[in-house]
Amino acid sequence: MKSVSLFDSDFLTIKTGNSALSESIRRILMTSPGERVNNPLFGCILKQSIFNFSSYLNEDIVMNITKAINKWEPRVKVLKVTVSQIDAQTFKVLVNVQNIADQTVFTVTSILNT
């Protein structure tokens, strides 16, 4: 499997294996439904949840992340999702997943600033 890197590189690069899956998961997390042309359902409501963090339960945010990854990235199995607040405006999302093809487990980390 190959994918184009958009988040981690200065220029477009091709990623493979777990790097490609990490890129795909980050893309799901950072895309709000309605942002993607020709696929308005793609993405996760993570940004909306973080901006209104005080009105969401942490369990609801974790459930939404898990559902989005399960829906849009069938090559992985979500093992655990952790959302933590670093400071008043910064949140850290850790997603532990298992690559279904080779059974390797890896972690995807995303930092969001409100």
N, C-alpha and C. Protein backbone atom coordinates (compact mmCIF):
# COMPACT_ATOMS: atom_id res chain seq x y z
N MET A 1 0.84 -1.17 0.00
CA MET A 1 0.00 0.00 0.00
C MET A 1 0.88 1.24 0.00
N LYS A 2 0.51 2.22 -0.77
CA LYS A 2 1.24 3.47 -0.86
C LYS A 2 0.27 4.63 -0.70
N SER A 3 0.79 5.73 -0.16
CA SER A 3 -0.03 6.94 -0.05
C SER A 3 0.87 8.15 -0.16
N VAL A 4 0.25 9.28 -0.43
CA VAL A 4 0.98 10.53 -0.53
C VAL A 4 0.95 11.22 0.82
N SER A 5 2.12 11.66 1.28
CA SER A 5 2.22 12.35 2.56
C SER A 5 1.86 13.82 2.39
N LEU A 6 0.99 14.30 3.26
CA LEU A 6 0.60 15.70 3.23
C LEU A 6 0.95 16.43 4.53
N PHE A 7 1.04 15.72 5.64
CA PHE A 7 1.19 16.35 6.94
C PHE A 7 2.63 16.42 7.44
N ASP A 8 3.43 15.41 7.18
CA ASP A 8 4.74 15.29 7.83
C ASP A 8 5.92 15.77 7.00
N SER A 9 5.70 16.21 5.78
CA SER A 9 6.81 16.53 4.90
C SER A 9 6.67 17.92 4.32
N ASP A 10 7.80 18.51 3.95
CA ASP A 10 7.78 19.81 3.29
C ASP A 10 7.26 19.69 1.87
N PHE A 11 7.47 18.56 1.26
CA PHE A 11 7.05 18.34 -0.12
C PHE A 11 6.34 17.00 -0.17
N LEU A 12 5.54 16.76 -1.18
CA LEU A 12 4.82 15.50 -1.30
C LEU A 12 5.80 14.33 -1.40
N THR A 13 5.59 13.35 -0.55
CA THR A 13 6.40 12.14 -0.58
C THR A 13 5.46 10.93 -0.56
N ILE A 14 5.97 9.80 -0.98
CA ILE A 14 5.20 8.56 -0.97
C ILE A 14 5.54 7.79 0.30
N LYS A 15 4.51 7.36 1.02
CA LYS A 15 4.69 6.55 2.22
C LYS A 15 4.12 5.16 1.99
N THR A 16 4.65 4.20 2.74
CA THR A 16 4.16 2.83 2.66
C THR A 16 3.98 2.27 4.06
N GLY A 17 3.31 1.14 4.16
CA GLY A 17 3.16 0.43 5.42
C GLY A 17 2.45 1.23 6.50
N ASN A 18 2.97 1.11 7.73
CA ASN A 18 2.35 1.79 8.86
C ASN A 18 2.44 3.31 8.74
N SER A 19 3.44 3.82 8.05
CA SER A 19 3.52 5.27 7.82
C SER A 19 2.34 5.75 6.99
N ALA A 20 1.97 4.97 5.99
CA ALA A 20 0.82 5.33 5.16
C ALA A 20 -0.47 5.26 5.98
N LEU A 21 -0.58 4.27 6.84
CA LEU A 21 -1.76 4.16 7.68
C LEU A 21 -1.84 5.30 8.69
N SER A 22 -0.70 5.68 9.26
CA SER A 22 -0.67 6.82 10.18
C SER A 22 -1.12 8.09 9.49
N GLU A 23 -0.64 8.29 8.29
CA GLU A 23 -1.03 9.46 7.50
C GLU A 23 -2.54 9.45 7.25
N SER A 24 -3.08 8.29 6.91
CA SER A 24 -4.50 8.17 6.64
C SER A 24 -5.33 8.49 7.89
N ILE A 25 -4.90 7.98 9.04
CA ILE A 25 -5.61 8.23 10.30
C ILE A 25 -5.56 9.71 10.66
N ARG A 26 -4.40 10.33 10.50
CA ARG A 26 -4.30 11.78 10.77
C ARG A 26 -5.21 12.57 9.84
N ARG A 27 -5.28 12.14 8.60
CA ARG A 27 -6.15 12.81 7.63
C ARG A 27 -7.62 12.70 8.05
N ILE A 28 -8.02 11.53 8.55
CA ILE A 28 -9.39 11.35 9.04
C ILE A 28 -9.64 12.27 10.23
N LEU A 29 -8.70 12.30 11.18
CA LEU A 29 -8.88 13.11 12.38
C LEU A 29 -8.92 14.61 12.09
N MET A 30 -8.14 15.07 11.14
CA MET A 30 -8.03 16.50 10.87
C MET A 30 -9.06 17.02 9.85
N THR A 31 -9.85 16.12 9.28
CA THR A 31 -10.87 16.53 8.32
C THR A 31 -12.23 16.51 8.99
N SER A 32 -12.91 17.62 8.96
CA SER A 32 -14.27 17.69 9.49
C SER A 32 -15.25 17.27 8.40
N PRO A 33 -16.32 16.57 8.78
CA PRO A 33 -17.33 16.23 7.78
C PRO A 33 -17.80 17.50 7.05
N GLY A 34 -17.87 17.39 5.73
CA GLY A 34 -18.26 18.52 4.90
C GLY A 34 -17.10 19.24 4.25
N GLU A 35 -15.87 18.98 4.70
CA GLU A 35 -14.69 19.65 4.13
C GLU A 35 -14.20 19.01 2.84
N ARG A 36 -14.40 17.74 2.69
CA ARG A 36 -13.85 17.04 1.53
C ARG A 36 -14.79 17.13 0.34
N VAL A 37 -14.25 17.58 -0.76
CA VAL A 37 -15.03 17.70 -1.99
C VAL A 37 -15.44 16.31 -2.47
N ASN A 38 -16.66 16.17 -2.91
CA ASN A 38 -17.22 14.92 -3.44
C ASN A 38 -17.38 13.82 -2.41
N ASN A 39 -17.05 14.08 -1.15
CA ASN A 39 -17.27 13.10 -0.09
C ASN A 39 -17.55 13.84 1.21
N PRO A 40 -18.72 14.47 1.33
CA PRO A 40 -18.99 15.33 2.48
C PRO A 40 -19.12 14.59 3.80
N LEU A 41 -19.25 13.28 3.80
CA LEU A 41 -19.36 12.54 5.05
C LEU A 41 -18.00 12.15 5.63
N PHE A 42 -16.94 12.26 4.82
CA PHE A 42 -15.60 11.84 5.25
C PHE A 42 -15.11 12.71 6.41
N GLY A 43 -14.47 12.08 7.37
CA GLY A 43 -13.82 12.82 8.44
C GLY A 43 -14.36 12.46 9.81
N CYS A 44 -14.01 13.31 10.77
CA CYS A 44 -14.32 13.09 12.18
C CYS A 44 -14.70 14.44 12.79
N ILE A 45 -15.59 14.42 13.75
CA ILE A 45 -15.98 15.69 14.38
C ILE A 45 -15.05 16.08 15.52
N LEU A 46 -13.80 15.68 15.42
CA LEU A 46 -12.82 15.96 16.47
C LEU A 46 -12.65 17.46 16.71
N LYS A 47 -12.46 18.23 15.65
CA LYS A 47 -12.24 19.68 15.83
C LYS A 47 -13.42 20.34 16.52
N GLN A 48 -14.63 20.00 16.12
CA GLN A 48 -15.80 20.57 16.75
C GLN A 48 -15.86 20.17 18.23
N SER A 49 -15.49 18.94 18.54
CA SER A 49 -15.50 18.46 19.91
C SER A 49 -14.48 19.20 20.77
N ILE A 50 -13.29 19.42 20.21
CA ILE A 50 -12.23 20.10 20.95
C ILE A 50 -12.58 21.57 21.18
N PHE A 51 -13.15 22.22 20.17
CA PHE A 51 -13.52 23.63 20.35
C PHE A 51 -14.59 23.80 21.41
N ASN A 52 -15.42 22.79 21.60
CA ASN A 52 -16.47 22.81 22.62
C ASN A 52 -16.20 21.77 23.69
N PHE A 53 -14.94 21.66 24.10
CA PHE A 53 -14.52 20.56 24.97
C PHE A 53 -15.31 20.50 26.27
N SER A 54 -15.67 21.65 26.81
CA SER A 54 -16.38 21.65 28.09
C SER A 54 -17.79 21.07 27.98
N SER A 55 -18.36 21.06 26.77
CA SER A 55 -19.72 20.54 26.61
C SER A 55 -19.75 19.10 26.11
N TYR A 56 -18.60 18.49 25.84
CA TYR A 56 -18.53 17.09 25.40
C TYR A 56 -17.93 16.23 26.50
N LEU A 57 -18.41 15.03 26.61
CA LEU A 57 -17.78 14.06 27.49
C LEU A 57 -16.58 13.45 26.76
N ASN A 58 -15.53 13.18 27.50
CA ASN A 58 -14.34 12.56 26.90
C ASN A 58 -14.71 11.25 26.23
N GLU A 59 -15.62 10.49 26.82
CA GLU A 59 -16.03 9.21 26.25
C GLU A 59 -16.70 9.40 24.89
N ASP A 60 -17.47 10.49 24.73
CA ASP A 60 -18.11 10.76 23.44
C ASP A 60 -17.08 11.09 22.37
N ILE A 61 -16.06 11.85 22.74
CA ILE A 61 -15.00 12.19 21.79
C ILE A 61 -14.26 10.93 21.36
N VAL A 62 -13.92 10.08 22.32
CA VAL A 62 -13.23 8.82 22.03
C VAL A 62 -14.10 7.95 21.12
N MET A 63 -15.39 7.87 21.40
CA MET A 63 -16.30 7.07 20.58
C MET A 63 -16.38 7.60 19.15
N ASN A 64 -16.45 8.94 19.00
CA ASN A 64 -16.52 9.53 17.67
C ASN A 64 -15.24 9.27 16.86
N ILE A 65 -14.09 9.36 17.52
CA ILE A 65 -12.81 9.08 16.86
C ILE A 65 -12.77 7.62 16.41
N THR A 66 -13.15 6.72 17.30
CA THR A 66 -13.14 5.29 17.00
C THR A 66 -14.07 4.96 15.84
N LYS A 67 -15.27 5.52 15.86
CA LYS A 67 -16.23 5.26 14.78
C LYS A 67 -15.72 5.79 13.44
N ALA A 68 -15.12 6.97 13.44
CA ALA A 68 -14.62 7.54 12.19
C ALA A 68 -13.49 6.70 11.61
N ILE A 69 -12.55 6.27 12.45
CA ILE A 69 -11.43 5.46 11.95
C ILE A 69 -11.95 4.11 11.47
N ASN A 70 -12.86 3.51 12.21
CA ASN A 70 -13.42 2.22 11.78
C ASN A 70 -14.14 2.35 10.44
N LYS A 71 -14.82 3.46 10.23
CA LYS A 71 -15.56 3.66 8.99
C LYS A 71 -14.65 3.93 7.80
N TRP A 72 -13.63 4.77 7.98
CA TRP A 72 -12.85 5.28 6.85
C TRP A 72 -11.50 4.60 6.66
N GLU A 73 -11.05 3.81 7.63
CA GLU A 73 -9.76 3.13 7.45
C GLU A 73 -9.91 1.66 7.85
N PRO A 74 -10.41 0.83 6.92
CA PRO A 74 -10.66 -0.58 7.23
C PRO A 74 -9.39 -1.43 7.37
N ARG A 75 -8.24 -0.86 7.08
CA ARG A 75 -6.99 -1.63 7.16
C ARG A 75 -6.44 -1.71 8.58
N VAL A 76 -7.10 -1.02 9.54
CA VAL A 76 -6.63 -1.05 10.92
C VAL A 76 -7.77 -1.40 11.87
N LYS A 77 -7.39 -1.87 13.04
CA LYS A 77 -8.32 -2.11 14.14
C LYS A 77 -7.94 -1.15 15.27
N VAL A 78 -8.88 -0.35 15.73
CA VAL A 78 -8.61 0.60 16.81
C VAL A 78 -8.57 -0.17 18.13
N LEU A 79 -7.46 -0.01 18.85
CA LEU A 79 -7.29 -0.68 20.13
C LEU A 79 -7.62 0.24 21.30
N LYS A 80 -7.16 1.49 21.21
CA LYS A 80 -7.38 2.43 22.32
C LYS A 80 -7.24 3.85 21.79
N VAL A 81 -8.08 4.74 22.30
CA VAL A 81 -8.00 6.17 21.97
C VAL A 81 -7.93 6.93 23.28
N THR A 82 -6.98 7.87 23.35
CA THR A 82 -6.83 8.71 24.53
C THR A 82 -6.80 10.16 24.09
N VAL A 83 -7.65 10.97 24.70
CA VAL A 83 -7.67 12.41 24.44
C VAL A 83 -7.34 13.10 25.75
N SER A 84 -6.29 13.93 25.74
CA SER A 84 -5.91 14.63 26.96
C SER A 84 -5.67 16.11 26.66
N GLN A 85 -5.97 16.92 27.65
CA GLN A 85 -5.78 18.36 27.52
C GLN A 85 -4.41 18.71 28.09
N ILE A 86 -3.56 19.28 27.24
CA ILE A 86 -2.21 19.65 27.66
C ILE A 86 -2.23 20.98 28.39
N ASP A 87 -2.89 21.97 27.81
CA ASP A 87 -3.12 23.25 28.46
C ASP A 87 -4.47 23.77 28.01
N ALA A 88 -4.76 25.03 28.28
CA ALA A 88 -6.09 25.57 27.99
C ALA A 88 -6.47 25.48 26.52
N GLN A 89 -5.48 25.49 25.62
CA GLN A 89 -5.77 25.53 24.19
C GLN A 89 -5.16 24.40 23.39
N THR A 90 -4.52 23.43 24.04
CA THR A 90 -3.83 22.37 23.33
C THR A 90 -4.31 21.00 23.81
N PHE A 91 -4.62 20.14 22.85
CA PHE A 91 -5.08 18.80 23.15
C PHE A 91 -4.21 17.78 22.42
N LYS A 92 -4.04 16.63 23.05
CA LYS A 92 -3.24 15.55 22.48
C LYS A 92 -4.15 14.34 22.28
N VAL A 93 -4.12 13.78 21.08
CA VAL A 93 -4.90 12.60 20.76
C VAL A 93 -3.94 11.47 20.44
N LEU A 94 -4.04 10.38 21.18
CA LEU A 94 -3.24 9.18 20.94
C LEU A 94 -4.19 8.07 20.49
N VAL A 95 -3.89 7.47 19.35
CA VAL A 95 -4.71 6.38 18.84
C VAL A 95 -3.80 5.16 18.66
N ASN A 96 -4.07 4.12 19.44
CA ASN A 96 -3.35 2.86 19.29
C ASN A 96 -4.15 1.98 18.34
N VAL A 97 -3.50 1.54 17.28
CA VAL A 97 -4.17 0.72 16.27
C VAL A 97 -3.33 -0.49 15.92
N GLN A 98 -3.99 -1.46 15.32
CA GLN A 98 -3.31 -2.65 14.84
C GLN A 98 -3.51 -2.75 13.34
N ASN A 99 -2.41 -2.91 12.62
CA ASN A 99 -2.46 -3.12 11.18
C ASN A 99 -3.01 -4.53 10.95
N ILE A 100 -4.13 -4.62 10.27
CA ILE A 100 -4.78 -5.91 10.07
C ILE A 100 -3.94 -6.83 9.18
N ALA A 101 -3.22 -6.26 8.23
CA ALA A 101 -2.44 -7.08 7.28
C ALA A 101 -1.30 -7.83 7.95
N ASP A 102 -0.53 -7.15 8.81
CA ASP A 102 0.63 -7.81 9.42
C ASP A 102 0.58 -7.88 10.94
N GLN A 103 -0.52 -7.46 11.53
CA GLN A 103 -0.77 -7.53 12.97
C GLN A 103 0.14 -6.65 13.83
N THR A 104 0.88 -5.72 13.21
CA THR A 104 1.71 -4.82 14.01
C THR A 104 0.83 -3.78 14.70
N VAL A 105 1.27 -3.38 15.88
CA VAL A 105 0.56 -2.37 16.66
C VAL A 105 1.40 -1.11 16.64
N PHE A 106 0.76 0.04 16.42
CA PHE A 106 1.48 1.31 16.44
C PHE A 106 0.55 2.41 16.95
N THR A 107 1.15 3.54 17.28
CA THR A 107 0.41 4.66 17.86
C THR A 107 0.49 5.86 16.91
N VAL A 108 -0.65 6.51 16.74
CA VAL A 108 -0.73 7.74 15.94
C VAL A 108 -0.99 8.87 16.93
N THR A 109 -0.17 9.91 16.88
CA THR A 109 -0.32 11.05 17.79
C THR A 109 -0.67 12.29 16.98
N SER A 110 -1.66 13.03 17.48
CA SER A 110 -2.03 14.30 16.88
C SER A 110 -2.17 15.35 17.97
N ILE A 111 -1.62 16.52 17.70
CA ILE A 111 -1.74 17.66 18.61
C ILE A 111 -2.66 18.68 17.96
N LEU A 112 -3.66 19.14 18.69
CA LEU A 112 -4.61 20.13 18.17
C LEU A 112 -4.55 21.37 19.04
N ASN A 113 -4.55 22.50 18.39
CA ASN A 113 -4.61 23.78 19.09
C ASN A 113 -5.94 24.45 18.74
N THR A 114 -6.63 24.94 19.76
CA THR A 114 -7.91 25.60 19.52
C THR A 114 -7.73 27.07 19.26
